[in-house]
Protein backbone atom coordinates (compact mmCIF):
# COMPACT_ATOMS: atom_id res chain seq x y z
CA UNK A 1 -121.18 -10.47 0.92
CA UNK A 2 -119.07 -11.43 3.94
CA UNK A 3 -115.71 -13.00 2.97
CA UNK A 4 -114.80 -16.31 4.62
CA UNK A 5 -111.70 -16.72 6.80
CA UNK A 6 -110.11 -19.01 4.17
CA UNK A 7 -110.67 -16.44 1.41
CA UNK A 8 -108.98 -13.76 3.50
CA UNK A 9 -106.16 -16.17 4.44
CA UNK A 10 -105.61 -17.11 0.77
CA UNK A 11 -105.48 -13.44 -0.16
CA UNK A 12 -102.92 -12.75 2.59
CA UNK A 13 -100.78 -15.71 1.45
CA UNK A 14 -100.84 -14.54 -2.18
CA UNK A 15 -99.94 -11.01 -1.06
CA UNK A 16 -97.12 -12.33 1.14
CA UNK A 17 -95.80 -14.49 -1.72
CA UNK A 18 -95.88 -11.51 -4.07
CA UNK A 19 -94.02 -9.32 -1.57
CA UNK A 20 -91.42 -12.07 -0.94
CA UNK A 21 -90.84 -12.57 -4.68
CA UNK A 22 -90.58 -8.83 -5.20
CA UNK A 23 -87.93 -8.61 -2.48
CA UNK A 24 -86.07 -11.61 -3.88
CA UNK A 25 -86.13 -10.38 -7.46
CA UNK A 26 -84.96 -6.84 -6.72
CA UNK A 27 -81.34 -5.90 -6.10
CA UNK A 28 -79.58 -3.11 -4.25
CA UNK A 29 -75.78 -2.98 -4.25
CA UNK A 30 -74.45 0.07 -2.44
CA UNK A 31 -70.84 1.06 -3.10
CA UNK A 32 -68.39 3.64 -1.90
CA UNK A 33 -64.98 4.08 -3.48
CA UNK A 34 -62.78 6.75 -1.93
CA UNK A 35 -60.81 8.64 -4.55
CA UNK A 36 -63.64 8.76 -7.11
CA UNK A 37 -66.17 11.50 -7.71
CA UNK A 38 -68.68 12.75 -10.28
CA UNK A 39 -68.29 9.90 -12.77
CA UNK A 40 -69.98 6.63 -13.79
CA UNK A 41 -69.59 2.95 -12.82
CA UNK A 42 -70.77 -0.12 -14.72
CA UNK A 43 -71.96 -3.46 -13.34
CA UNK A 44 -71.34 -6.40 -15.70
CA UNK A 45 -71.11 -10.15 -15.41
CA UNK A 46 -68.34 -12.17 -17.01
CA UNK A 47 -69.17 -14.16 -20.12
CA UNK A 48 -65.81 -15.80 -20.62
CA UNK A 49 -62.66 -13.89 -19.75
CA UNK A 50 -62.69 -11.65 -22.83
CA UNK A 51 -66.34 -10.64 -22.73
CA UNK A 52 -68.60 -9.00 -20.16
CA UNK A 53 -72.31 -8.22 -20.37
CA UNK A 54 -73.32 -4.91 -18.80
CA UNK A 55 -76.37 -5.20 -16.52
CA UNK A 56 -76.52 -1.76 -14.92
CA UNK A 57 -74.90 1.67 -14.63
CA UNK A 58 -74.68 4.06 -11.68
CA UNK A 59 -73.64 7.67 -11.14
CA UNK A 60 -70.82 8.23 -8.66
CA UNK A 61 -71.38 11.33 -6.49
CA UNK A 62 -68.84 13.80 -5.11
CA UNK A 63 -68.07 11.49 -2.15
CA UNK A 64 -67.55 8.30 -4.18
CA UNK A 65 -71.00 6.85 -3.38
CA UNK A 66 -73.04 4.99 -5.98
CA UNK A 67 -75.75 2.33 -6.06
CA UNK A 68 -76.86 -0.34 -8.49
CA UNK A 69 -80.56 -0.89 -7.98
CA UNK A 70 -83.25 -2.66 -9.97
CA UNK A 71 -86.44 -4.70 -9.77
CA UNK A 72 -85.37 -7.58 -11.98
CA UNK A 73 -83.23 -10.31 -10.39
CA UNK A 74 -79.59 -10.42 -11.44
CA UNK A 75 -78.46 -13.86 -12.69
CA UNK A 76 -75.96 -15.33 -10.23
CA UNK A 77 -72.29 -15.41 -11.08
CA UNK A 78 -69.09 -13.41 -10.86
CA UNK A 79 -69.52 -9.73 -11.75
CA UNK A 80 -67.17 -6.81 -12.10
CA UNK A 81 -67.70 -3.20 -11.20
CA UNK A 82 -65.94 -1.18 -13.89
CA UNK A 83 -64.55 2.19 -12.83
CA UNK A 84 -62.78 4.98 -14.76
CA UNK A 85 -59.15 4.62 -15.89
CA UNK A 86 -59.37 0.84 -16.31
CA UNK A 87 -59.90 0.11 -12.60
CA UNK A 88 -62.38 -2.53 -11.49
CA UNK A 89 -63.24 -4.93 -8.69
CA UNK A 90 -65.17 -8.20 -8.69
CA UNK A 91 -68.33 -9.12 -6.81
CA UNK A 92 -69.94 -12.50 -6.22
CA UNK A 93 -73.63 -12.09 -7.01
CA UNK A 94 -75.86 -14.49 -5.14
CA UNK A 95 -77.47 -12.36 -2.46
CA UNK A 96 -78.21 -8.96 -4.04
CA UNK A 97 -78.74 -6.65 -1.07
CA UNK A 98 -75.41 -5.60 0.41
CA UNK A 99 -72.83 -2.83 0.53
CA UNK A 100 -69.10 -2.52 -0.16
CA UNK A 101 -66.54 0.16 0.59
CA UNK A 102 -62.98 0.49 -0.67
CA UNK A 103 -60.28 2.90 -1.80
CA UNK A 104 -58.66 3.51 -5.20
CA UNK A 105 -55.19 3.15 -3.64
CA UNK A 106 -55.80 -0.61 -3.35
CA UNK A 107 -59.28 -1.83 -4.27
CA UNK A 108 -58.79 -5.38 -2.95
CA UNK A 109 -56.80 -4.81 0.26
CA UNK A 110 -59.06 -1.97 1.40
CA UNK A 111 -62.34 -3.72 0.57
CA UNK A 112 -64.97 -3.94 3.36
CA UNK A 113 -68.23 -5.82 2.84
CA UNK A 114 -71.53 -5.70 4.75
CA UNK A 115 -74.54 -7.95 4.19
CA UNK A 116 -72.99 -10.54 1.86
CA UNK A 117 -71.33 -13.64 3.29
CA UNK A 118 -70.12 -14.64 -0.19
CA UNK A 119 -68.26 -11.37 -0.73
CA UNK A 120 -66.94 -11.27 2.83
CA UNK A 121 -65.41 -14.69 2.19
CA UNK A 122 -64.26 -13.69 -1.30
CA UNK A 123 -62.35 -10.62 -0.15
CA UNK A 124 -61.24 -12.12 3.15
CA UNK A 125 -59.57 -14.94 1.21
CA UNK A 126 -57.94 -12.57 -1.30
CA UNK A 127 -56.66 -10.26 1.45
CA UNK A 128 -55.22 -13.16 3.45
CA UNK A 129 -53.53 -14.61 0.37
CA UNK A 130 -52.16 -11.20 -0.57
CA UNK A 131 -50.59 -10.80 2.88
CA UNK A 132 -49.06 -14.27 2.78
CA UNK A 133 -47.62 -13.73 -0.70
CA UNK A 134 -46.17 -10.40 0.45
CA UNK A 135 -44.30 -12.32 3.15
CA UNK A 136 -43.07 -14.81 0.55
CA UNK A 137 -41.78 -12.00 -1.64
CA UNK A 138 -39.80 -10.57 1.30
CA UNK A 139 -38.27 -14.00 1.96
CA UNK A 140 -37.47 -14.43 -1.73
CA UNK A 141 -35.63 -11.09 -1.72
CA UNK A 142 -33.66 -12.25 1.32
CA UNK A 143 -32.73 -15.47 -0.46
CA UNK A 144 -31.45 -13.58 -3.52
CA UNK A 145 -29.22 -11.50 -1.27
CA UNK A 146 -28.10 -14.47 0.83
CA UNK A 147 -28.88 -17.84 -0.88
CA UNK A 148 -29.47 -21.08 1.05
CA UNK A 149 -29.57 -21.73 4.76
CA UNK A 150 -32.42 -20.68 7.02
CA UNK A 151 -34.22 -18.58 4.35
CA UNK A 152 -34.92 -21.66 2.20
CA UNK A 153 -36.45 -23.41 5.19
CA UNK A 154 -38.62 -20.36 5.95
CA UNK A 155 -39.82 -20.22 2.31
CA UNK A 156 -40.77 -23.93 2.27
CA UNK A 157 -42.58 -23.51 5.59
CA UNK A 158 -44.47 -20.44 4.29
CA UNK A 159 -45.48 -22.31 1.11
CA UNK A 160 -46.73 -25.27 3.16
CA UNK A 161 -48.71 -22.91 5.39
CA UNK A 162 -50.32 -21.28 2.33
CA UNK A 163 -51.36 -24.70 1.00
CA UNK A 164 -52.80 -25.69 4.41
CA UNK A 165 -54.63 -22.39 4.75
CA UNK A 166 -56.24 -22.84 1.31
CA UNK A 167 -57.29 -26.42 2.08
CA UNK A 168 -58.71 -25.54 5.53
CA UNK A 169 -60.50 -22.48 4.19
CA UNK A 170 -62.17 -24.48 1.43
CA UNK A 171 -63.31 -27.20 3.87
CA UNK A 172 -64.72 -24.64 6.30
CA UNK A 173 -66.68 -22.83 3.58
CA UNK A 174 -67.67 -25.77 1.39
CA UNK A 175 -71.02 -25.22 -0.34
CA UNK A 176 -70.55 -21.50 -0.93
CA UNK A 177 -70.43 -20.04 -4.41
CA UNK A 178 -67.06 -18.40 -3.83
CA UNK A 179 -65.45 -21.75 -2.94
CA UNK A 180 -66.92 -23.24 -6.10
CA UNK A 181 -65.39 -20.40 -8.12
CA UNK A 182 -61.95 -20.73 -6.53
CA UNK A 183 -61.89 -24.54 -6.84
CA UNK A 184 -62.87 -24.30 -10.52
CA UNK A 185 -59.48 -22.87 -11.44
CA UNK A 186 -57.47 -25.49 -9.52
CA UNK A 187 -55.68 -28.30 -11.32
CA UNK A 188 -55.94 -31.92 -10.17
CA UNK A 189 -53.13 -33.30 -8.06
CA UNK A 190 -51.19 -35.77 -10.20
CA UNK A 191 -49.55 -38.78 -8.50
CA UNK A 192 -45.76 -38.88 -8.77
CA UNK A 193 -45.76 -42.63 -9.53
CA UNK A 194 -48.06 -45.15 -11.18
CA UNK A 195 -47.87 -48.88 -10.32
CA UNK A 196 -48.42 -50.05 -13.91
CA UNK A 197 -45.65 -47.98 -15.48
CA UNK A 198 -43.11 -50.26 -17.16
CA UNK A 199 -39.50 -50.51 -16.08
CA UNK A 200 -36.45 -50.56 -18.30
CA UNK A 201 -34.15 -53.64 -18.44
CA UNK A 202 -31.82 -52.00 -15.90
CA UNK A 203 -34.68 -51.75 -13.40
CA UNK A 204 -35.20 -47.98 -13.66
CA UNK A 205 -38.58 -46.41 -14.43
CA UNK A 206 -39.36 -45.71 -18.08
CA UNK A 207 -39.50 -41.90 -17.90
CA UNK A 208 -41.41 -41.60 -21.19
CA UNK A 209 -44.10 -44.03 -20.03
CA UNK A 210 -44.31 -42.24 -16.68
CA UNK A 211 -44.75 -38.89 -18.40
CA UNK A 212 -47.50 -40.33 -20.58
CA UNK A 213 -49.25 -41.80 -17.54
CA UNK A 214 -49.07 -38.47 -15.71
CA UNK A 215 -50.46 -36.62 -18.73
CA UNK A 216 -53.31 -39.14 -19.17
CA UNK A 217 -54.21 -38.80 -15.47
CA UNK A 218 -54.08 -34.99 -15.62
CA UNK A 219 -56.35 -34.85 -18.66
CA UNK A 220 -58.86 -37.41 -17.35
CA UNK A 221 -59.13 -35.53 -14.01
CA UNK A 222 -58.91 -32.03 -15.50
CA UNK A 223 -62.55 -31.20 -14.64
CA UNK A 224 -62.62 -32.79 -11.17
CA UNK A 225 -62.82 -29.43 -9.38
CA UNK A 226 -65.24 -27.85 -11.85
CA UNK A 227 -69.02 -28.21 -11.59
CA UNK A 228 -70.16 -28.77 -15.18
CA UNK A 229 -73.82 -28.89 -14.11
CA UNK A 230 -73.96 -25.35 -12.64
CA UNK A 231 -74.96 -22.71 -15.20
CA UNK A 232 -73.57 -19.95 -12.95
CA UNK A 233 -70.13 -21.03 -14.16
CA UNK A 234 -71.01 -19.47 -17.55
CA UNK A 235 -70.91 -16.09 -15.84
CA UNK A 236 -67.29 -16.38 -14.79
CA UNK A 237 -63.95 -16.11 -16.60
CA UNK A 238 -63.02 -19.64 -15.46
CA UNK A 239 -65.06 -21.85 -17.81
CA UNK A 240 -63.72 -20.50 -21.11
CA UNK A 241 -60.11 -20.43 -19.86
CA UNK A 242 -60.39 -24.06 -18.80
CA UNK A 243 -62.20 -25.04 -21.99
CA UNK A 244 -59.52 -23.48 -24.19
CA UNK A 245 -56.74 -25.24 -22.29
CA UNK A 246 -58.54 -28.59 -22.45
CA UNK A 247 -59.38 -28.43 -26.16
CA UNK A 248 -56.30 -26.59 -27.47
CA UNK A 249 -53.42 -27.68 -25.22
CA UNK A 250 -54.47 -31.11 -23.92
CA UNK A 251 -56.02 -32.42 -27.13
CA UNK A 252 -54.10 -33.56 -30.18
CA UNK A 253 -55.21 -31.24 -32.96
CA UNK A 254 -56.78 -33.62 -35.43
CA UNK A 255 -60.53 -33.79 -36.19
CA UNK A 256 -60.88 -37.30 -34.67
CA UNK A 257 -59.09 -36.41 -31.43
CA UNK A 258 -61.02 -33.16 -31.06
CA UNK A 259 -64.33 -34.93 -31.66
CA UNK A 260 -63.50 -37.65 -29.11
CA UNK A 261 -62.44 -35.12 -26.45
CA UNK A 262 -65.50 -32.93 -27.06
CA UNK A 263 -67.82 -35.95 -26.76
CA UNK A 264 -66.20 -37.03 -23.47
CA UNK A 265 -66.52 -33.54 -22.05
CA UNK A 266 -70.14 -33.06 -23.10
CA UNK A 267 -71.13 -36.27 -21.32
CA UNK A 268 -70.35 -34.32 -18.12
CA UNK A 269 -72.19 -31.13 -19.10
CA UNK A 270 -75.73 -31.93 -18.05
CA UNK A 271 -78.66 -30.52 -16.13
CA UNK A 272 -78.46 -26.98 -17.49
CA UNK A 273 -79.65 -26.44 -21.05
CA UNK A 274 -78.00 -22.99 -21.19
CA UNK A 275 -74.65 -24.29 -19.97
CA UNK A 276 -74.67 -27.18 -22.46
CA UNK A 277 -75.57 -24.80 -25.28
CA UNK A 278 -72.76 -22.45 -24.24
CA UNK A 279 -70.09 -25.19 -24.18
CA UNK A 280 -71.24 -26.64 -27.52
CA UNK A 281 -71.18 -23.18 -29.10
CA UNK A 282 -67.71 -22.33 -27.76
CA UNK A 283 -66.17 -25.58 -29.07
CA UNK A 284 -67.95 -25.39 -32.44
CA UNK A 285 -67.07 -21.75 -33.13
CA UNK A 286 -63.43 -22.42 -32.25
CA UNK A 287 -63.15 -24.91 -35.13
CA UNK A 288 -65.33 -23.04 -37.62
CA UNK A 289 -62.47 -20.67 -38.36
CA UNK A 290 -59.46 -22.30 -36.74
CA UNK A 291 -56.00 -20.92 -37.46
CA UNK A 292 -54.84 -24.52 -37.81
CA UNK A 293 -55.52 -26.08 -41.18
CA UNK A 294 -57.52 -29.23 -41.67
CA UNK A 295 -59.76 -29.03 -38.58
CA UNK A 296 -63.02 -28.50 -40.48
CA UNK A 297 -63.96 -32.10 -39.68
CA UNK A 298 -64.21 -31.19 -36.00
CA UNK A 299 -66.60 -28.34 -36.84
CA UNK A 300 -68.76 -30.67 -38.94
CA UNK A 301 -68.80 -33.31 -36.18
CA UNK A 302 -70.01 -30.73 -33.65
CA UNK A 303 -72.74 -29.56 -36.01
CA UNK A 304 -74.03 -33.01 -36.89
CA UNK A 305 -73.98 -34.34 -33.33
CA UNK A 306 -74.93 -31.32 -31.23
CA UNK A 307 -76.94 -29.08 -33.55
CA UNK A 308 -78.80 -31.54 -35.76
CA UNK A 309 -79.29 -34.13 -32.99
CA UNK A 310 -80.05 -31.60 -30.24
CA UNK A 311 -82.22 -29.08 -32.04
CA UNK A 312 -84.09 -28.24 -28.82
CA UNK A 313 -80.98 -26.25 -27.78
CA UNK A 314 -81.17 -23.89 -30.75
CA UNK A 315 -83.54 -21.61 -32.59
CA UNK A 316 -84.35 -22.41 -36.21
CA UNK A 317 -82.32 -19.50 -37.60
CA UNK A 318 -79.17 -20.78 -35.85
CA UNK A 319 -79.70 -24.29 -37.23
CA UNK A 320 -80.24 -22.86 -40.71
CA UNK A 321 -77.13 -20.64 -40.55
CA UNK A 322 -74.84 -23.44 -39.35
CA UNK A 323 -76.36 -25.88 -41.84
CA UNK A 324 -75.57 -23.50 -44.71
CA UNK A 325 -72.03 -23.02 -43.40
CA UNK A 326 -71.44 -26.78 -43.18
CA UNK A 327 -72.82 -27.24 -46.70
CA UNK A 328 -70.14 -24.77 -47.90
CA UNK A 329 -67.30 -26.32 -45.89
CA UNK A 330 -67.91 -30.02 -46.57
CA UNK A 331 -67.07 -30.10 -50.32
CA UNK A 332 -63.92 -28.03 -49.70
CA UNK A 333 -62.29 -30.09 -46.97
CA UNK A 334 -58.71 -31.30 -47.26
CA UNK A 335 -58.61 -34.57 -49.19
CA UNK A 336 -61.72 -33.77 -51.25
CA UNK A 337 -61.58 -33.24 -55.05
CA UNK A 338 -61.58 -29.54 -55.88
CA UNK A 339 -65.09 -28.49 -56.98
CA UNK A 340 -65.66 -27.59 -60.60
CA UNK A 341 -64.32 -24.16 -61.52
CA UNK A 342 -64.69 -22.95 -65.12
CA UNK A 343 -62.84 -19.76 -66.01
CA UNK A 344 -62.14 -17.67 -69.10
CA UNK A 345 -58.58 -16.43 -69.64
CA UNK A 346 -57.52 -13.01 -70.91
CA UNK A 347 -57.72 -14.25 -74.52
CA UNK A 348 -61.28 -15.50 -74.12
CA UNK A 349 -60.44 -19.22 -73.83
CA UNK A 350 -62.16 -21.40 -71.25
CA UNK A 351 -60.10 -23.54 -68.90
CA UNK A 352 -60.43 -25.49 -65.66
CA UNK A 353 -57.85 -26.62 -63.06
CA UNK A 354 -58.28 -30.20 -64.33
CA UNK A 355 -56.93 -29.11 -67.73
CA UNK A 356 -53.62 -27.93 -66.27
CA UNK A 357 -50.85 -30.58 -66.06
CA UNK A 358 -48.96 -29.66 -62.91
CA UNK A 359 -47.66 -31.36 -59.78
CA UNK A 360 -49.39 -28.72 -57.67
CA UNK A 361 -51.85 -25.92 -58.37
CA UNK A 362 -52.41 -22.90 -56.15
CA UNK A 363 -55.85 -21.30 -56.60
CA UNK A 364 -55.90 -17.67 -55.44
CA UNK A 365 -59.42 -16.23 -55.16
CA UNK A 366 -59.46 -12.48 -54.59
CA UNK A 367 -61.37 -9.24 -54.96
CA UNK A 368 -59.75 -6.50 -57.04
CA UNK A 369 -60.73 -3.87 -54.46
CA UNK A 370 -59.96 -5.85 -51.30
CA UNK A 371 -57.16 -4.35 -49.18
CA UNK A 372 -55.92 -7.73 -47.91
CA UNK A 373 -55.89 -9.05 -51.48
CA UNK A 374 -53.77 -6.14 -52.63
CA UNK A 375 -51.33 -6.80 -49.77
CA UNK A 376 -51.18 -10.52 -50.62
CA UNK A 377 -50.79 -10.16 -54.39
CA UNK A 378 -47.09 -9.07 -54.45
CA UNK A 379 -46.24 -11.80 -51.93
CA UNK A 380 -47.92 -14.41 -54.14
CA UNK A 381 -45.90 -13.29 -57.20
CA UNK A 382 -42.68 -13.41 -55.17
CA UNK A 383 -43.46 -16.93 -53.86
CA UNK A 384 -44.31 -18.11 -57.36
CA UNK A 385 -40.80 -17.25 -58.56
CA UNK A 386 -39.52 -19.84 -56.03
CA UNK A 387 -42.28 -22.42 -56.36
CA UNK A 388 -42.59 -22.61 -60.15
CA UNK A 389 -39.33 -24.62 -60.27
CA UNK A 390 -41.00 -27.20 -58.00
CA UNK A 391 -43.86 -27.90 -60.39
CA UNK A 392 -46.29 -25.37 -58.91
CA UNK A 393 -48.71 -23.38 -61.09
CA UNK A 394 -50.97 -20.56 -59.88
CA UNK A 395 -54.54 -19.80 -60.98
CA UNK A 396 -55.79 -16.36 -59.91
CA UNK A 397 -59.45 -15.38 -60.22
CA UNK A 398 -61.48 -12.46 -58.84
CA UNK A 399 -64.92 -12.81 -57.27
CA UNK A 400 -66.01 -9.49 -58.77
CA UNK A 401 -66.47 -9.94 -62.50
CA UNK A 402 -65.43 -6.53 -63.83
CA UNK A 403 -63.09 -6.96 -66.81
CA UNK A 404 -61.47 -3.52 -66.71
CA UNK A 405 -60.64 -3.75 -63.01
CA UNK A 406 -59.46 -7.34 -63.50
CA UNK A 407 -57.04 -6.39 -66.30
CA UNK A 408 -55.82 -3.39 -64.32
CA UNK A 409 -55.15 -5.64 -61.28
CA UNK A 410 -53.19 -8.13 -63.43
CA UNK A 411 -50.98 -5.36 -64.77
CA UNK A 412 -50.55 -3.52 -61.45
CA UNK A 413 -49.40 -6.61 -59.55
CA UNK A 414 -47.51 -8.27 -62.42
CA UNK A 415 -49.81 -11.30 -62.55
CA UNK A 416 -49.05 -11.90 -66.26
CA UNK A 417 -46.99 -15.00 -65.50
CA UNK A 418 -49.87 -16.56 -63.53
CA UNK A 419 -52.91 -18.24 -65.08
CA UNK A 420 -55.55 -15.52 -64.83
CA UNK A 421 -59.19 -16.46 -65.19
CA UNK A 422 -62.52 -14.67 -64.92
CA UNK A 423 -65.90 -16.25 -64.26
CA UNK A 424 -67.57 -14.64 -67.26
CA UNK A 425 -68.50 -16.71 -70.31
CA UNK A 426 -70.45 -16.20 -73.53
CA UNK A 427 -73.74 -18.02 -73.56
CA UNK A 428 -73.65 -20.15 -76.76
CA UNK A 429 -77.37 -19.58 -77.33
CA UNK A 430 -77.70 -15.82 -77.02
CA UNK A 431 -74.09 -14.60 -76.85
CA UNK A 432 -74.66 -12.82 -73.54
CA UNK A 433 -72.07 -12.98 -70.75
CA UNK A 434 -72.99 -15.37 -67.95
CA UNK A 435 -71.37 -16.52 -64.69
CA UNK A 436 -71.10 -20.17 -63.70
CA UNK A 437 -69.62 -19.95 -60.20
CA UNK A 438 -71.11 -19.10 -56.81
CA UNK A 439 -67.81 -18.43 -55.01
CA UNK A 440 -69.36 -18.13 -51.55
CA UNK A 441 -71.30 -21.39 -51.65
CA UNK A 442 -69.10 -23.46 -53.97
CA UNK A 443 -65.69 -22.46 -52.58
CA UNK A 444 -66.55 -21.20 -49.07
CA UNK A 445 -65.44 -17.66 -49.89
CA UNK A 446 -66.96 -15.50 -47.15
CA UNK A 447 -63.92 -13.17 -47.09
CA UNK A 448 -61.06 -12.61 -49.51
CA UNK A 449 -58.42 -13.62 -50.34
CA UNK A 450 -58.88 -17.39 -50.18
CA UNK A 451 -56.08 -19.72 -51.21
CA UNK A 452 -56.33 -23.43 -52.03
CA UNK A 453 -53.50 -25.84 -52.87
CA UNK A 454 -54.26 -28.86 -55.07
CA UNK A 455 -52.13 -31.92 -55.76
CA UNK A 456 -51.58 -33.61 -59.13
CA UNK A 457 -54.97 -35.37 -58.89
CA UNK A 458 -56.62 -31.99 -58.16
CA UNK A 459 -57.43 -32.94 -54.60
CA UNK A 460 -57.27 -30.27 -51.91
CA UNK A 461 -54.14 -30.49 -49.76
CA UNK A 462 -54.48 -27.03 -48.16
CA UNK A 463 -57.31 -24.53 -47.80
CA UNK A 464 -57.55 -20.96 -46.51
CA UNK A 465 -53.75 -20.87 -46.31
CA UNK A 466 -52.25 -17.38 -45.80
CA UNK A 467 -50.06 -16.39 -48.76
CA UNK A 468 -47.21 -15.72 -46.30
CA UNK A 469 -47.17 -19.42 -45.38
CA UNK A 470 -47.33 -20.79 -48.93
CA UNK A 471 -43.58 -21.35 -49.46
CA UNK A 472 -43.11 -22.98 -46.05
CA UNK A 473 -46.12 -25.22 -46.54
CA UNK A 474 -45.06 -26.34 -50.01
CA UNK A 475 -41.48 -26.95 -48.86
CA UNK A 476 -42.67 -29.08 -45.94
CA UNK A 477 -45.28 -30.94 -48.00
CA UNK A 478 -42.90 -31.78 -50.87
CA UNK A 479 -40.21 -33.00 -48.44
CA UNK A 480 -42.78 -35.11 -46.59
CA UNK A 481 -43.95 -36.70 -49.84
CA UNK A 482 -40.34 -37.47 -50.74
CA UNK A 483 -39.76 -39.12 -47.34
CA UNK A 484 -42.92 -41.20 -47.79
CA UNK A 485 -41.66 -42.38 -51.19
CA UNK A 486 -38.31 -43.37 -49.74
CA UNK A 487 -39.99 -45.29 -46.89
CA UNK A 488 -42.22 -47.11 -49.36
CA UNK A 489 -39.21 -47.98 -51.52
CA UNK A 490 -37.33 -49.40 -48.51
CA UNK A 491 -40.39 -51.32 -47.37
CA UNK A 492 -40.71 -52.80 -50.89
CA UNK A 493 -37.18 -54.13 -50.73
């Protein structure tokens, strides 16, 4: 049967589309690095500044030539080419058919690019900035040898020229990926004065109020130069660096402040599901195991608002894992009553923390064979000698319920003066030994040792505190309580 013109045309269009997609999806990055031979190079994209994900490898021949080639499209972003002996250079991956040539003596200054406007701009900018900073360093050396005068003027002029060059270069190349990357690491310009800042009675500016206004402006404009809708920013080192600074340095470290700042930020992260998921994960994981005590509330807020309420972002196993973790953390937060813990002492008598009359109780949960526990045990005994005169008692209990090892541990580390308990009890019905406590789920023990501090009412005032910090914490806490009492007494008068 004779094929119609339209059938043939449709076939040609489909074939052309297939060929175009095949060309678009493939990549070929040809490299030459003088000074290398007979070794291997890796191509990886950034995933934060501490992590990289390897996408390809290539053999380097005797002349320093190698090629990354593949049929599957590389996700756009900032990549690095990793070379032997810790050397590497970056590449902007948008267009994926180009070549680069450089030299191990100076990978950046000697870089030449063909076929990629983004990388031509990227290295042209770096090379120009490197030259200008070299000139500044020469002038700075001159100033050290002969301070003041004409050299200071030359330095100020050179700095102004660098600023102008950066501004002009960004305007000329606006819309490119490399400009987006460079702008993403730039801080907002903060005004020197604010019209609403109060003045002191003598007419001078209130410096404290001005500083607060400048800080508030800086924080509220912190993301002005960063595109929080572009998922390519995940594949750079810039997003995580900025995120850490924003959440750790610019946010007061309390659960409420962290939650408020995270919510404000995530209002701006839209458009890309993957980018939103990435930012939520980075913030949440930071507060799941924070080195600062008492921030579990921030972790729970992130889970309830961005995991439970945005389940489309996550797979069911992730939701289940985080849900289980939150269920373990919630009952053990600072300010909560300590969960029920029933132990049997070395004489076979049952006791609980509630039965112990003490101003403060330290609960030390350990494993008799855990290396960290064995390092912490002598430090705990030493701290107890200081703290017992301040009304502190210590309960020590192992998660492994082996009596012989438990007794050996008590003797080896001189725990006799502490209140030692084991979660093994005689069943009144059949006389068999039974355990009452699920340490992992009831006390959030996913690694040992774990240390809790309880007040007189058996409420948690510290959790997961390192033994090394116990004396300092107790000293600070007791002094703070004493100050609060004195303030209340004065207020009552």
